[in-house]
Amino acid sequence: MQTNKIFLILSIVCLSWTSNSQTEGEIDVNKDIDIVKVYTQVVNEGYGTISIYKELANACYFRSDYSESKKWFEKLFSEVEPQEKILLYRYQQSLKALKLYTEDNVYLTNFEID
């Protein structure tokens, strides 16, 4: 009976050690990808789309790179009429951070946050 308990405990320890050693070697390849660099290169190669401009604008905004954020929001808004209020809000905040906010901005006229 005592041998069975020891064998069972030893088996559990060995299995957990084996499974732990297998997961330690895994590498997350997406961890170090800079989405701004990748999307900027895609746009520079001439493959810019509305969704890429939106991703770039949001990514730059959240990195507090407001000049780049402004650039990509304006590129996005030149392609499509802004529908999402959150995008307009982020654009407005980018302009405020750059001290470029003016009332006569065509994208911000009649803009109110609910």
PDB file of N, CA and C in Angstrom:
ATOM      1  N   MET A   1       0.827  -1.182   0.000  1.00  0.00           N
ATOM      2  CA  MET A   1       0.000   0.000   0.000  1.00  0.00           C
ATOM      3  C   MET A   1       0.878   1.255   0.000  1.00  0.00           C
ATOM      4  N   GLN A   2       1.904   1.229   0.830  1.00  0.00           N
ATOM      5  CA  GLN A   2       2.818   2.368   0.919  1.00  0.00           C
ATOM      6  C   GLN A   2       3.544   2.571  -0.411  1.00  0.00           C
ATOM      7  N   THR A   3       3.885   1.512  -1.079  1.00  0.00           N
ATOM      8  CA  THR A   3       4.584   1.610  -2.370  1.00  0.00           C
ATOM      9  C   THR A   3       3.679   2.217  -3.428  1.00  0.00           C
ATOM     10  N   ASN A   4       2.397   1.909  -3.377  1.00  0.00           N
ATOM     11  CA  ASN A   4       1.464   2.493  -4.350  1.00  0.00           C
ATOM     12  C   ASN A   4       1.356   4.006  -4.180  1.00  0.00           C
ATOM     13  N   LYS A   5       1.327   4.448  -2.939  1.00  0.00           N
ATOM     14  CA  LYS A   5       1.248   5.889  -2.687  1.00  0.00           C
ATOM     15  C   LYS A   5       2.498   6.599  -3.194  1.00  0.00           C
ATOM     16  N   ILE A   6       3.644   6.009  -2.924  1.00  0.00           N
ATOM     17  CA  ILE A   6       4.901   6.607  -3.374  1.00  0.00           C
ATOM     18  C   ILE A   6       4.953   6.619  -4.895  1.00  0.00           C
ATOM     19  N   PHE A   7       4.556   5.547  -5.532  1.00  0.00           N
ATOM     20  CA  PHE A   7       4.544   5.465  -6.987  1.00  0.00           C
ATOM     21  C   PHE A   7       3.586   6.502  -7.576  1.00  0.00           C
ATOM     22  N   LEU A   8       2.418   6.667  -6.988  1.00  0.00           N
ATOM     23  CA  LEU A   8       1.435   7.638  -7.463  1.00  0.00           C
ATOM     24  C   LEU A   8       1.965   9.068  -7.339  1.00  0.00           C
ATOM     25  N   ILE A   9       2.539   9.402  -6.211  1.00  0.00           N
ATOM     26  CA  ILE A   9       3.097  10.740  -6.004  1.00  0.00           C
ATOM     27  C   ILE A   9       4.255  10.993  -6.963  1.00  0.00           C
ATOM     28  N   LEU A  10       5.111  10.021  -7.127  1.00  0.00           N
ATOM     29  CA  LEU A  10       6.238  10.145  -8.047  1.00  0.00           C
ATOM     30  C   LEU A  10       5.759  10.323  -9.483  1.00  0.00           C
ATOM     31  N   SER A  11       4.723   9.617  -9.863  1.00  0.00           N
ATOM     32  CA  SER A  11       4.162   9.746 -11.215  1.00  0.00           C
ATOM     33  C   SER A  11       3.589  11.140 -11.455  1.00  0.00           C
ATOM     34  N   ILE A  12       2.871  11.658 -10.479  1.00  0.00           N
ATOM     35  CA  ILE A  12       2.282  12.998 -10.609  1.00  0.00           C
ATOM     36  C   ILE A  12       3.377  14.051 -10.724  1.00  0.00           C
ATOM     37  N   VAL A  13       4.410  13.943  -9.930  1.00  0.00           N
ATOM     38  CA  VAL A  13       5.514  14.894  -9.972  1.00  0.00           C
ATOM     39  C   VAL A  13       6.206  14.841 -11.333  1.00  0.00           C
ATOM     40  N   CYS A  14       6.454  13.656 -11.831  1.00  0.00           N
ATOM     41  CA  CYS A  14       7.130  13.512 -13.125  1.00  0.00           C
ATOM     42  C   CYS A  14       6.277  14.064 -14.265  1.00  0.00           C
ATOM     43  N   LEU A  15       4.986  13.807 -14.244  1.00  0.00           N
ATOM     44  CA  LEU A  15       4.096  14.313 -15.294  1.00  0.00           C
ATOM     45  C   LEU A  15       4.009  15.828 -15.278  1.00  0.00           C
ATOM     46  N   SER A  16       3.896  16.392 -14.098  1.00  0.00           N
ATOM     47  CA  SER A  16       3.815  17.853 -14.026  1.00  0.00           C
ATOM     48  C   SER A  16       5.131  18.496 -14.438  1.00  0.00           C
ATOM     49  N   TRP A  17       6.245  17.896 -14.088  1.00  0.00           N
ATOM     50  CA  TRP A  17       7.544  18.422 -14.483  1.00  0.00           C
ATOM     51  C   TRP A  17       7.721  18.346 -15.988  1.00  0.00           C
ATOM     52  N   THR A  18       7.281  17.252 -16.607  1.00  0.00           N
ATOM     53  CA  THR A  18       7.386  17.078 -18.053  1.00  0.00           C
ATOM     54  C   THR A  18       6.512  18.086 -18.784  1.00  0.00           C
ATOM     55  N   SER A  19       5.296  18.263 -18.350  1.00  0.00           N
ATOM     56  CA  SER A  19       4.408  19.204 -19.027  1.00  0.00           C
ATOM     57  C   SER A  19       4.898  20.640 -18.849  1.00  0.00           C
ATOM     58  N   ASN A  20       5.477  20.965 -17.710  1.00  0.00           N
ATOM     59  CA  ASN A  20       6.011  22.303 -17.474  1.00  0.00           C
ATOM     60  C   ASN A  20       7.218  22.569 -18.370  1.00  0.00           C
ATOM     61  N   SER A  21       8.068  21.612 -18.547  1.00  0.00           N
ATOM     62  CA  SER A  21       9.254  21.810 -19.370  1.00  0.00           C
ATOM     63  C   SER A  21       8.887  21.963 -20.842  1.00  0.00           C
ATOM     64  N   GLN A  22       7.782  21.392 -21.285  1.00  0.00           N
ATOM     65  CA  GLN A  22       7.361  21.529 -22.669  1.00  0.00           C
ATOM     66  C   GLN A  22       6.795  22.915 -22.945  1.00  0.00           C
ATOM     67  N   THR A  23       6.138  23.540 -21.991  1.00  0.00           N
ATOM     68  CA  THR A  23       5.543  24.848 -22.221  1.00  0.00           C
ATOM     69  C   THR A  23       6.548  25.980 -22.071  1.00  0.00           C
ATOM     70  N   GLU A  24       7.655  25.775 -21.386  1.00  0.00           N
ATOM     71  CA  GLU A  24       8.634  26.836 -21.197  1.00  0.00           C
ATOM     72  C   GLU A  24       9.333  27.199 -22.493  1.00  0.00           C
ATOM     73  N   GLY A  25       9.455  26.288 -23.429  1.00  0.00           N
ATOM     74  CA  GLY A  25      10.184  26.532 -24.664  1.00  0.00           C
ATOM     75  C   GLY A  25       9.374  27.234 -25.737  1.00  0.00           C
ATOM     76  N   GLU A  26       8.080  27.420 -25.532  1.00  0.00           N
ATOM     77  CA  GLU A  26       7.244  28.051 -26.548  1.00  0.00           C
ATOM     78  C   GLU A  26       7.551  29.537 -26.651  1.00  0.00           C
ATOM     79  N   ILE A  27       7.534  30.044 -27.881  1.00  0.00           N
ATOM     80  CA  ILE A  27       7.824  31.448 -28.133  1.00  0.00           C
ATOM     81  C   ILE A  27       6.615  32.077 -28.806  1.00  0.00           C
ATOM     82  N   ASP A  28       6.218  33.233 -28.324  1.00  0.00           N
ATOM     83  CA  ASP A  28       5.127  33.973 -28.940  1.00  0.00           C
ATOM     84  C   ASP A  28       5.734  34.883 -30.004  1.00  0.00           C
ATOM     85  N   VAL A  29       5.562  34.526 -31.279  1.00  0.00           N
ATOM     86  CA  VAL A  29       6.179  35.288 -32.357  1.00  0.00           C
ATOM     87  C   VAL A  29       5.517  36.637 -32.568  1.00  0.00           C
ATOM     88  N   ASN A  30       4.293  36.818 -32.106  1.00  0.00           N
ATOM     89  CA  ASN A  30       3.595  38.080 -32.295  1.00  0.00           C
ATOM     90  C   ASN A  30       3.907  39.102 -31.217  1.00  0.00           C
ATOM     91  N   LYS A  31       4.667  38.715 -30.214  1.00  0.00           N
ATOM     92  CA  LYS A  31       4.920  39.577 -29.071  1.00  0.00           C
ATOM     93  C   LYS A  31       5.718  40.824 -29.446  1.00  0.00           C
ATOM     94  N   ASP A  32       6.668  40.686 -30.337  1.00  0.00           N
ATOM     95  CA  ASP A  32       7.576  41.775 -30.633  1.00  0.00           C
ATOM     96  C   ASP A  32       7.282  42.486 -31.952  1.00  0.00           C
ATOM     97  N   ILE A  33       6.133  42.264 -32.542  1.00  0.00           N
ATOM     98  CA  ILE A  33       5.803  42.915 -33.801  1.00  0.00           C
ATOM     99  C   ILE A  33       5.283  44.317 -33.516  1.00  0.00           C
ATOM    100  N   ASP A  34       5.877  45.302 -34.165  1.00  0.00           N
ATOM    101  CA  ASP A  34       5.438  46.692 -34.026  1.00  0.00           C
ATOM    102  C   ASP A  34       4.441  46.978 -35.136  1.00  0.00           C
ATOM    103  N   ILE A  35       3.171  47.050 -34.773  1.00  0.00           N
ATOM    104  CA  ILE A  35       2.103  47.201 -35.755  1.00  0.00           C
ATOM    105  C   ILE A  35       2.218  48.518 -36.517  1.00  0.00           C
ATOM    106  N   VAL A  36       2.700  49.554 -35.866  1.00  0.00           N
ATOM    107  CA  VAL A  36       2.841  50.844 -36.537  1.00  0.00           C
ATOM    108  C   VAL A  36       3.888  50.748 -37.644  1.00  0.00           C
ATOM    109  N   LYS A  37       5.006  50.103 -37.354  1.00  0.00           N
ATOM    110  CA  LYS A  37       6.047  49.935 -38.377  1.00  0.00           C
ATOM    111  C   LYS A  37       5.534  49.119 -39.562  1.00  0.00           C
ATOM    112  N   VAL A  38       4.855  48.047 -39.258  1.00  0.00           N
ATOM    113  CA  VAL A  38       4.363  47.167 -40.317  1.00  0.00           C
ATOM    114  C   VAL A  38       3.342  47.889 -41.187  1.00  0.00           C
ATOM    115  N   TYR A  39       2.362  48.530 -40.561  1.00  0.00           N
ATOM    116  CA  TYR A  39       1.334  49.219 -41.333  1.00  0.00           C
ATOM    117  C   TYR A  39       1.882  50.424 -42.079  1.00  0.00           C
ATOM    118  N   THR A  40       2.843  51.121 -41.499  1.00  0.00           N
ATOM    119  CA  THR A  40       3.461  52.252 -42.194  1.00  0.00           C
ATOM    120  C   THR A  40       4.187  51.776 -43.441  1.00  0.00           C
ATOM    121  N   GLN A  41       4.856  50.656 -43.338  1.00  0.00           N
ATOM    122  CA  GLN A  41       5.544  50.101 -44.497  1.00  0.00           C
ATOM    123  C   GLN A  41       4.534  49.675 -45.569  1.00  0.00           C
ATOM    124  N   VAL A  42       3.419  49.114 -45.151  1.00  0.00           N
ATOM    125  CA  VAL A  42       2.377  48.716 -46.110  1.00  0.00           C
ATOM    126  C   VAL A  42       1.847  49.940 -46.846  1.00  0.00           C
ATOM    127  N   VAL A  43       1.605  51.023 -46.124  1.00  0.00           N
ATOM    128  CA  VAL A  43       1.113  52.253 -46.744  1.00  0.00           C
ATOM    129  C   VAL A  43       2.164  52.838 -47.676  1.00  0.00           C
ATOM    130  N   ASN A  44       3.430  52.824 -47.254  1.00  0.00           N
ATOM    131  CA  ASN A  44       4.501  53.342 -48.096  1.00  0.00           C
ATOM    132  C   ASN A  44       4.660  52.556 -49.393  1.00  0.00           C
ATOM    133  N   GLU A  45       4.300  51.285 -49.358  1.00  0.00           N
ATOM    134  CA  GLU A  45       4.359  50.460 -50.563  1.00  0.00           C
ATOM    135  C   GLU A  45       3.129  50.640 -51.448  1.00  0.00           C
ATOM    136  N   GLY A  46       2.186  51.463 -50.991  1.00  0.00           N
ATOM    137  CA  GLY A  46       1.028  51.789 -51.814  1.00  0.00           C
ATOM    138  C   GLY A  46      -0.195  50.927 -51.577  1.00  0.00           C
ATOM    139  N   TYR A  47      -0.238  50.220 -50.472  1.00  0.00           N
ATOM    140  CA  TYR A  47      -1.360  49.326 -50.198  1.00  0.00           C
ATOM    141  C   TYR A  47      -2.215  49.802 -49.027  1.00  0.00           C
ATOM    142  N   GLY A  48      -2.282  51.099 -48.823  1.00  0.00           N
ATOM    143  CA  GLY A  48      -3.064  51.638 -47.707  1.00  0.00           C
ATOM    144  C   GLY A  48      -4.554  51.457 -47.926  1.00  0.00           C
ATOM    145  N   THR A  49      -5.239  51.087 -46.870  1.00  0.00           N
ATOM    146  CA  THR A  49      -6.691  50.944 -46.910  1.00  0.00           C
ATOM    147  C   THR A  49      -7.286  51.728 -45.746  1.00  0.00           C
ATOM    148  N   ILE A  50      -8.577  51.852 -45.765  1.00  0.00           N
ATOM    149  CA  ILE A  50      -9.278  52.572 -44.704  1.00  0.00           C
ATOM    150  C   ILE A  50      -9.025  51.916 -43.353  1.00  0.00           C
ATOM    151  N   SER A  51      -9.081  50.608 -43.300  1.00  0.00           N
ATOM    152  CA  SER A  51      -8.877  49.920 -42.020  1.00  0.00           C
ATOM    153  C   SER A  51      -7.437  50.087 -41.518  1.00  0.00           C
ATOM    154  N   ILE A  52      -6.480  50.145 -42.424  1.00  0.00           N
ATOM    155  CA  ILE A  52      -5.085  50.355 -42.015  1.00  0.00           C
ATOM    156  C   ILE A  52      -4.910  51.771 -41.474  1.00  0.00           C
ATOM    157  N   TYR A  53      -5.509  52.763 -42.135  1.00  0.00           N
ATOM    158  CA  TYR A  53      -5.424  54.134 -41.645  1.00  0.00           C
ATOM    159  C   TYR A  53      -6.048  54.252 -40.249  1.00  0.00           C
ATOM    160  N   LYS A  54      -7.155  53.556 -40.063  1.00  0.00           N
ATOM    161  CA  LYS A  54      -7.823  53.574 -38.763  1.00  0.00           C
ATOM    162  C   LYS A  54      -6.943  52.945 -37.687  1.00  0.00           C
ATOM    163  N   GLU A  55      -6.342  51.805 -37.995  1.00  0.00           N
ATOM    164  CA  GLU A  55      -5.454  51.134 -37.040  1.00  0.00           C
ATOM    165  C   GLU A  55      -4.239  52.000 -36.712  1.00  0.00           C
ATOM    166  N   LEU A  56      -3.658  52.631 -37.732  1.00  0.00           N
ATOM    167  CA  LEU A  56      -2.502  53.487 -37.500  1.00  0.00           C
ATOM    168  C   LEU A  56      -2.871  54.692 -36.635  1.00  0.00           C
ATOM    169  N   ALA A  57      -4.006  55.310 -36.940  1.00  0.00           N
ATOM    170  CA  ALA A  57      -4.438  56.475 -36.164  1.00  0.00           C
ATOM    171  C   ALA A  57      -4.658  56.104 -34.706  1.00  0.00           C
ATOM    172  N   ASN A  58      -5.341  55.004 -34.461  1.00  0.00           N
ATOM    173  CA  ASN A  58      -5.606  54.573 -33.091  1.00  0.00           C
ATOM    174  C   ASN A  58      -4.325  54.160 -32.369  1.00  0.00           C
ATOM    175  N   ALA A  59      -3.451  53.429 -33.061  1.00  0.00           N
ATOM    176  CA  ALA A  59      -2.204  52.979 -32.436  1.00  0.00           C
ATOM    177  C   ALA A  59      -1.335  54.168 -32.048  1.00  0.00           C
ATOM    178  N   CYS A  60      -1.222  55.139 -32.936  1.00  0.00           N
ATOM    179  CA  CYS A  60      -0.422  56.331 -32.626  1.00  0.00           C
ATOM    180  C   CYS A  60      -1.065  57.141 -31.503  1.00  0.00           C
ATOM    181  N   TYR A  61      -2.381  57.221 -31.510  1.00  0.00           N
ATOM    182  CA  TYR A  61      -3.085  57.942 -30.451  1.00  0.00           C
ATOM    183  C   TYR A  61      -2.791  57.316 -29.085  1.00  0.00           C
ATOM    184  N   PHE A  62      -2.880  55.999 -28.992  1.00  0.00           N
ATOM    185  CA  PHE A  62      -2.659  55.333 -27.710  1.00  0.00           C
ATOM    186  C   PHE A  62      -1.199  55.326 -27.289  1.00  0.00           C
ATOM    187  N   ARG A  63      -0.297  55.567 -28.222  1.00  0.00           N
ATOM    188  CA  ARG A  63       1.117  55.700 -27.881  1.00  0.00           C
ATOM    189  C   ARG A  63       1.477  57.147 -27.560  1.00  0.00           C
ATOM    190  N   SER A  64       0.490  58.020 -27.597  1.00  0.00           N
ATOM    191  CA  SER A  64       0.665  59.460 -27.347  1.00  0.00           C
ATOM    192  C   SER A  64       1.559  60.118 -28.390  1.00  0.00           C
ATOM    193  N   ASP A  65       1.570  59.578 -29.586  1.00  0.00           N
ATOM    194  CA  ASP A  65       2.273  60.188 -30.713  1.00  0.00           C
ATOM    195  C   ASP A  65       1.229  60.965 -31.504  1.00  0.00           C
ATOM    196  N   TYR A  66       0.891  62.145 -30.999  1.00  0.00           N
ATOM    197  CA  TYR A  66      -0.266  62.869 -31.501  1.00  0.00           C
ATOM    198  C   TYR A  66      -0.057  63.455 -32.896  1.00  0.00           C
ATOM    199  N   SER A  67       1.159  63.794 -33.251  1.00  0.00           N
ATOM    200  CA  SER A  67       1.382  64.323 -34.599  1.00  0.00           C
ATOM    201  C   SER A  67       1.140  63.232 -35.646  1.00  0.00           C
ATOM    202  N   GLU A  68       1.613  62.024 -35.378  1.00  0.00           N
ATOM    203  CA  GLU A  68       1.349  60.906 -36.296  1.00  0.00           C
ATOM    204  C   GLU A  68      -0.129  60.526 -36.265  1.00  0.00           C
ATOM    205  N   SER A  69      -0.713  60.578 -35.101  1.00  0.00           N
ATOM    206  CA  SER A  69      -2.134  60.282 -34.967  1.00  0.00           C
ATOM    207  C   SER A  69      -2.961  61.243 -35.809  1.00  0.00           C
ATOM    208  N   LYS A  70      -2.648  62.518 -35.726  1.00  0.00           N
ATOM    209  CA  LYS A  70      -3.337  63.542 -36.516  1.00  0.00           C
ATOM    210  C   LYS A  70      -3.208  63.238 -38.004  1.00  0.00           C
ATOM    211  N   LYS A  71      -2.009  62.892 -38.419  1.00  0.00           N
ATOM    212  CA  LYS A  71      -1.748  62.586 -39.825  1.00  0.00           C
ATOM    213  C   LYS A  71      -2.635  61.445 -40.325  1.00  0.00           C
ATOM    214  N   TRP A  72      -2.715  60.373 -39.533  1.00  0.00           N
ATOM    215  CA  TRP A  72      -3.470  59.207 -39.975  1.00  0.00           C
ATOM    216  C   TRP A  72      -4.977  59.412 -39.853  1.00  0.00           C
ATOM    217  N   PHE A  73      -5.414  60.177 -38.845  1.00  0.00           N
ATOM    218  CA  PHE A  73      -6.841  60.491 -38.764  1.00  0.00           C
ATOM    219  C   PHE A  73      -7.264  61.326 -39.970  1.00  0.00           C
ATOM    220  N   GLU A  74      -6.454  62.294 -40.351  1.00  0.00           N
ATOM    221  CA  GLU A  74      -6.803  63.129 -41.501  1.00  0.00           C
ATOM    222  C   GLU A  74      -6.789  62.328 -42.793  1.00  0.00           C
ATOM    223  N   LYS A  75      -5.857  61.403 -42.913  1.00  0.00           N
ATOM    224  CA  LYS A  75      -5.831  60.529 -44.097  1.00  0.00           C
ATOM    225  C   LYS A  75      -7.086  59.658 -44.127  1.00  0.00           C
ATOM    226  N   LEU A  76      -7.476  59.134 -42.975  1.00  0.00           N
ATOM    227  CA  LEU A  76      -8.681  58.319 -42.869  1.00  0.00           C
ATOM    228  C   LEU A  76      -9.914  59.138 -43.244  1.00  0.00           C
ATOM    229  N   PHE A  77     -10.016  60.338 -42.698  1.00  0.00           N
ATOM    230  CA  PHE A  77     -11.194  61.175 -42.940  1.00  0.00           C
ATOM    231  C   PHE A  77     -11.238  61.694 -44.374  1.00  0.00           C
ATOM    232  N   SER A  78     -10.093  61.772 -45.045  1.00  0.00           N
ATOM    233  CA  SER A  78     -10.102  62.192 -46.446  1.00  0.00           C
ATOM    234  C   SER A  78     -10.617  61.067 -47.350  1.00  0.00           C
ATOM    235  N   GLU A  79     -10.495  59.843 -46.884  1.00  0.00           N
ATOM    236  CA  GLU A  79     -10.962  58.694 -47.662  1.00  0.00           C
ATOM    237  C   GLU A  79     -12.443  58.396 -47.429  1.00  0.00           C
ATOM    238  N   VAL A  80     -12.892  58.561 -46.197  1.00  0.00           N
ATOM    239  CA  VAL A  80     -14.263  58.197 -45.847  1.00  0.00           C
ATOM    240  C   VAL A  80     -14.804  59.201 -44.827  1.00  0.00           C
ATOM    241  N   GLU A  81     -16.066  59.483 -44.918  1.00  0.00           N
ATOM    242  CA  GLU A  81     -16.723  60.388 -43.969  1.00  0.00           C
ATOM    243  C   GLU A  81     -16.708  59.738 -42.577  1.00  0.00           C
ATOM    244  N   PRO A  82     -16.226  60.466 -41.568  1.00  0.00           N
ATOM    245  CA  PRO A  82     -16.148  59.861 -40.225  1.00  0.00           C
ATOM    246  C   PRO A  82     -17.542  59.559 -39.670  1.00  0.00           C
ATOM    247  N   GLN A  83     -17.751  58.317 -39.280  1.00  0.00           N
ATOM    248  CA  GLN A  83     -19.028  57.872 -38.729  1.00  0.00           C
ATOM    249  C   GLN A  83     -18.933  57.573 -37.234  1.00  0.00           C
ATOM    250  N   GLU A  84     -17.805  57.092 -36.808  1.00  0.00           N
ATOM    251  CA  GLU A  84     -17.639  56.701 -35.410  1.00  0.00           C
ATOM    252  C   GLU A  84     -17.242  57.913 -34.576  1.00  0.00           C
ATOM    253  N   LYS A  85     -18.019  58.186 -33.565  1.00  0.00           N
ATOM    254  CA  LYS A  85     -17.762  59.353 -32.717  1.00  0.00           C
ATOM    255  C   LYS A  85     -16.456  59.206 -31.937  1.00  0.00           C
ATOM    256  N   ILE A  86     -16.090  57.993 -31.628  1.00  0.00           N
ATOM    257  CA  ILE A  86     -14.862  57.800 -30.862  1.00  0.00           C
ATOM    258  C   ILE A  86     -13.645  58.212 -31.687  1.00  0.00           C
ATOM    259  N   LEU A  87     -13.699  58.006 -32.985  1.00  0.00           N
ATOM    260  CA  LEU A  87     -12.590  58.436 -33.841  1.00  0.00           C
ATOM    261  C   LEU A  87     -12.493  59.953 -33.872  1.00  0.00           C
ATOM    262  N   LEU A  88     -13.629  60.608 -33.963  1.00  0.00           N
ATOM    263  CA  LEU A  88     -13.633  62.068 -33.934  1.00  0.00           C
ATOM    264  C   LEU A  88     -13.131  62.591 -32.594  1.00  0.00           C
ATOM    265  N   TYR A  89     -13.514  61.923 -31.534  1.00  0.00           N
ATOM    266  CA  TYR A  89     -13.056  62.314 -30.201  1.00  0.00           C
ATOM    267  C   TYR A  89     -11.538  62.184 -30.096  1.00  0.00           C
ATOM    268  N   ARG A  90     -10.999  61.085 -30.567  1.00  0.00           N
ATOM    269  CA  ARG A  90      -9.553  60.873 -30.502  1.00  0.00           C
ATOM    270  C   ARG A  90      -8.814  61.878 -31.375  1.00  0.00           C
ATOM    271  N   TYR A  91      -9.390  62.189 -32.525  1.00  0.00           N
ATOM    272  CA  TYR A  91      -8.798  63.202 -33.399  1.00  0.00           C
ATOM    273  C   TYR A  91      -8.801  64.551 -32.679  1.00  0.00           C
ATOM    274  N   GLN A  92      -9.905  64.884 -32.053  1.00  0.00           N
ATOM    275  CA  GLN A  92     -10.026  66.137 -31.314  1.00  0.00           C
ATOM    276  C   GLN A  92      -8.992  66.193 -30.185  1.00  0.00           C
ATOM    277  N   GLN A  93      -8.826  65.114 -29.471  1.00  0.00           N
ATOM    278  CA  GLN A  93      -7.855  65.071 -28.379  1.00  0.00           C
ATOM    279  C   GLN A  93      -6.425  65.184 -28.903  1.00  0.00           C
ATOM    280  N   SER A  94      -6.159  64.606 -30.061  1.00  0.00           N
ATOM    281  CA  SER A  94      -4.839  64.736 -30.678  1.00  0.00           C
ATOM    282  C   SER A  94      -4.559  66.190 -31.023  1.00  0.00           C
ATOM    283  N   LEU A  95      -5.557  66.869 -31.581  1.00  0.00           N
ATOM    284  CA  LEU A  95      -5.395  68.280 -31.916  1.00  0.00           C
ATOM    285  C   LEU A  95      -5.186  69.125 -30.664  1.00  0.00           C
ATOM    286  N   LYS A  96      -5.911  68.812 -29.618  1.00  0.00           N
ATOM    287  CA  LYS A  96      -5.747  69.553 -28.369  1.00  0.00           C
ATOM    288  C   LYS A  96      -4.348  69.351 -27.794  1.00  0.00           C
ATOM    289  N   ALA A  97      -3.854  68.132 -27.871  1.00  0.00           N
ATOM    290  CA  ALA A  97      -2.518  67.855 -27.346  1.00  0.00           C
ATOM    291  C   ALA A  97      -1.448  68.608 -28.136  1.00  0.00           C
ATOM    292  N   LEU A  98      -1.695  68.802 -29.429  1.00  0.00           N
ATOM    293  CA  LEU A  98      -0.759  69.536 -30.281  1.00  0.00           C
ATOM    294  C   LEU A  98      -1.023  71.040 -30.264  1.00  0.00           C
ATOM    295  N   LYS A  99      -2.047  71.443 -29.518  1.00  0.00           N
ATOM    296  CA  LYS A  99      -2.484  72.844 -29.437  1.00  0.00           C
ATOM    297  C   LYS A  99      -2.886  73.376 -30.812  1.00  0.00           C
ATOM    298  N   LEU A 100      -3.556  72.530 -31.588  1.00  0.00           N
ATOM    299  CA  LEU A 100      -4.023  72.897 -32.921  1.00  0.00           C
ATOM    300  C   LEU A 100      -5.541  72.886 -33.022  1.00  0.00           C
ATOM    301  N   TYR A 101      -6.201  72.726 -31.903  1.00  0.00           N
ATOM    302  CA  TYR A 101      -7.653  72.626 -31.916  1.00  0.00           C
ATOM    303  C   TYR A 101      -8.266  73.975 -32.257  1.00  0.00           C
ATOM    304  N   THR A 102      -9.087  73.995 -33.290  1.00  0.00           N
ATOM    305  CA  THR A 102      -9.811  75.211 -33.670  1.00  0.00           C
ATOM    306  C   THR A 102     -11.266  74.856 -33.911  1.00  0.00           C
ATOM    307  N   GLU A 103     -12.108  75.810 -33.733  1.00  0.00           N
ATOM    308  CA  GLU A 103     -13.547  75.593 -33.913  1.00  0.00           C
ATOM    309  C   GLU A 103     -13.937  75.431 -35.383  1.00  0.00           C
ATOM    310  N   ASP A 104     -13.130  75.933 -36.301  1.00  0.00           N
ATOM    311  CA  ASP A 104     -13.498  75.874 -37.713  1.00  0.00           C
ATOM    312  C   ASP A 104     -12.993  74.609 -38.412  1.00  0.00           C
ATOM    313  N   ASN A 105     -12.529  73.637 -37.666  1.00  0.00           N
ATOM    314  CA  ASN A 105     -12.081  72.379 -38.255  1.00  0.00           C
ATOM    315  C   ASN A 105     -13.281  71.649 -38.844  1.00  0.00           C
ATOM    316  N   VAL A 106     -13.186  71.293 -40.109  1.00  0.00           N
ATOM    317  CA  VAL A 106     -14.312  70.706 -40.831  1.00  0.00           C
ATOM    318  C   VAL A 106     -14.767  69.376 -40.227  1.00  0.00           C
ATOM    319  N   TYR A 107     -13.878  68.626 -39.621  1.00  0.00           N
ATOM    320  CA  TYR A 107     -14.246  67.332 -39.061  1.00  0.00           C
ATOM    321  C   TYR A 107     -14.905  67.448 -37.694  1.00  0.00           C
ATOM    322  N   LEU A 108     -14.712  68.569 -37.049  1.00  0.00           N
ATOM    323  CA  LEU A 108     -15.210  68.711 -35.687  1.00  0.00           C
ATOM    324  C   LEU A 108     -16.440  69.601 -35.575  1.00  0.00           C
ATOM    325  N   THR A 109     -16.921  70.146 -36.675  1.00  0.00           N
ATOM    326  CA  THR A 109     -18.126  70.964 -36.617  1.00  0.00           C
ATOM    327  C   THR A 109     -19.320  70.085 -36.275  1.00  0.00           C
ATOM    328  N   ASN A 110     -20.153  70.558 -35.412  1.00  0.00           N
ATOM    329  CA  ASN A 110     -21.350  69.857 -34.938  1.00  0.00           C
ATOM    330  C   ASN A 110     -21.009  68.521 -34.294  1.00  0.00           C
ATOM    331  N   PHE A 111     -19.857  68.429 -33.687  1.00  0.00           N
ATOM    332  CA  PHE A 111     -19.443  67.185 -33.022  1.00  0.00           C
ATOM    333  C   PHE A 111     -19.710  67.301 -31.534  1.00  0.00           C
ATOM    334  N   GLU A 112     -20.493  66.375 -31.045  1.00  0.00           N
ATOM    335  CA  GLU A 112     -20.776  66.302 -29.623  1.00  0.00           C
ATOM    336  C   GLU A 112     -20.675  64.860 -29.174  1.00  0.00           C
ATOM    337  N   ILE A 113     -20.144  64.660 -28.005  1.00  0.00           N
ATOM    338  CA  ILE A 113     -20.049  63.306 -27.450  1.00  0.00           C
ATOM    339  C   ILE A 113     -21.279  63.069 -26.596  1.00  0.00           C
ATOM    340  N   ASP A 114     -21.897  61.929 -26.817  1.00  0.00           N
ATOM    341  CA  ASP A 114     -23.093  61.575 -26.033  1.00  0.00           C
ATOM    342  C   ASP A 114     -22.768  61.231 -24.613  1.00  0.00           C
TER     343      ASP A 114
END
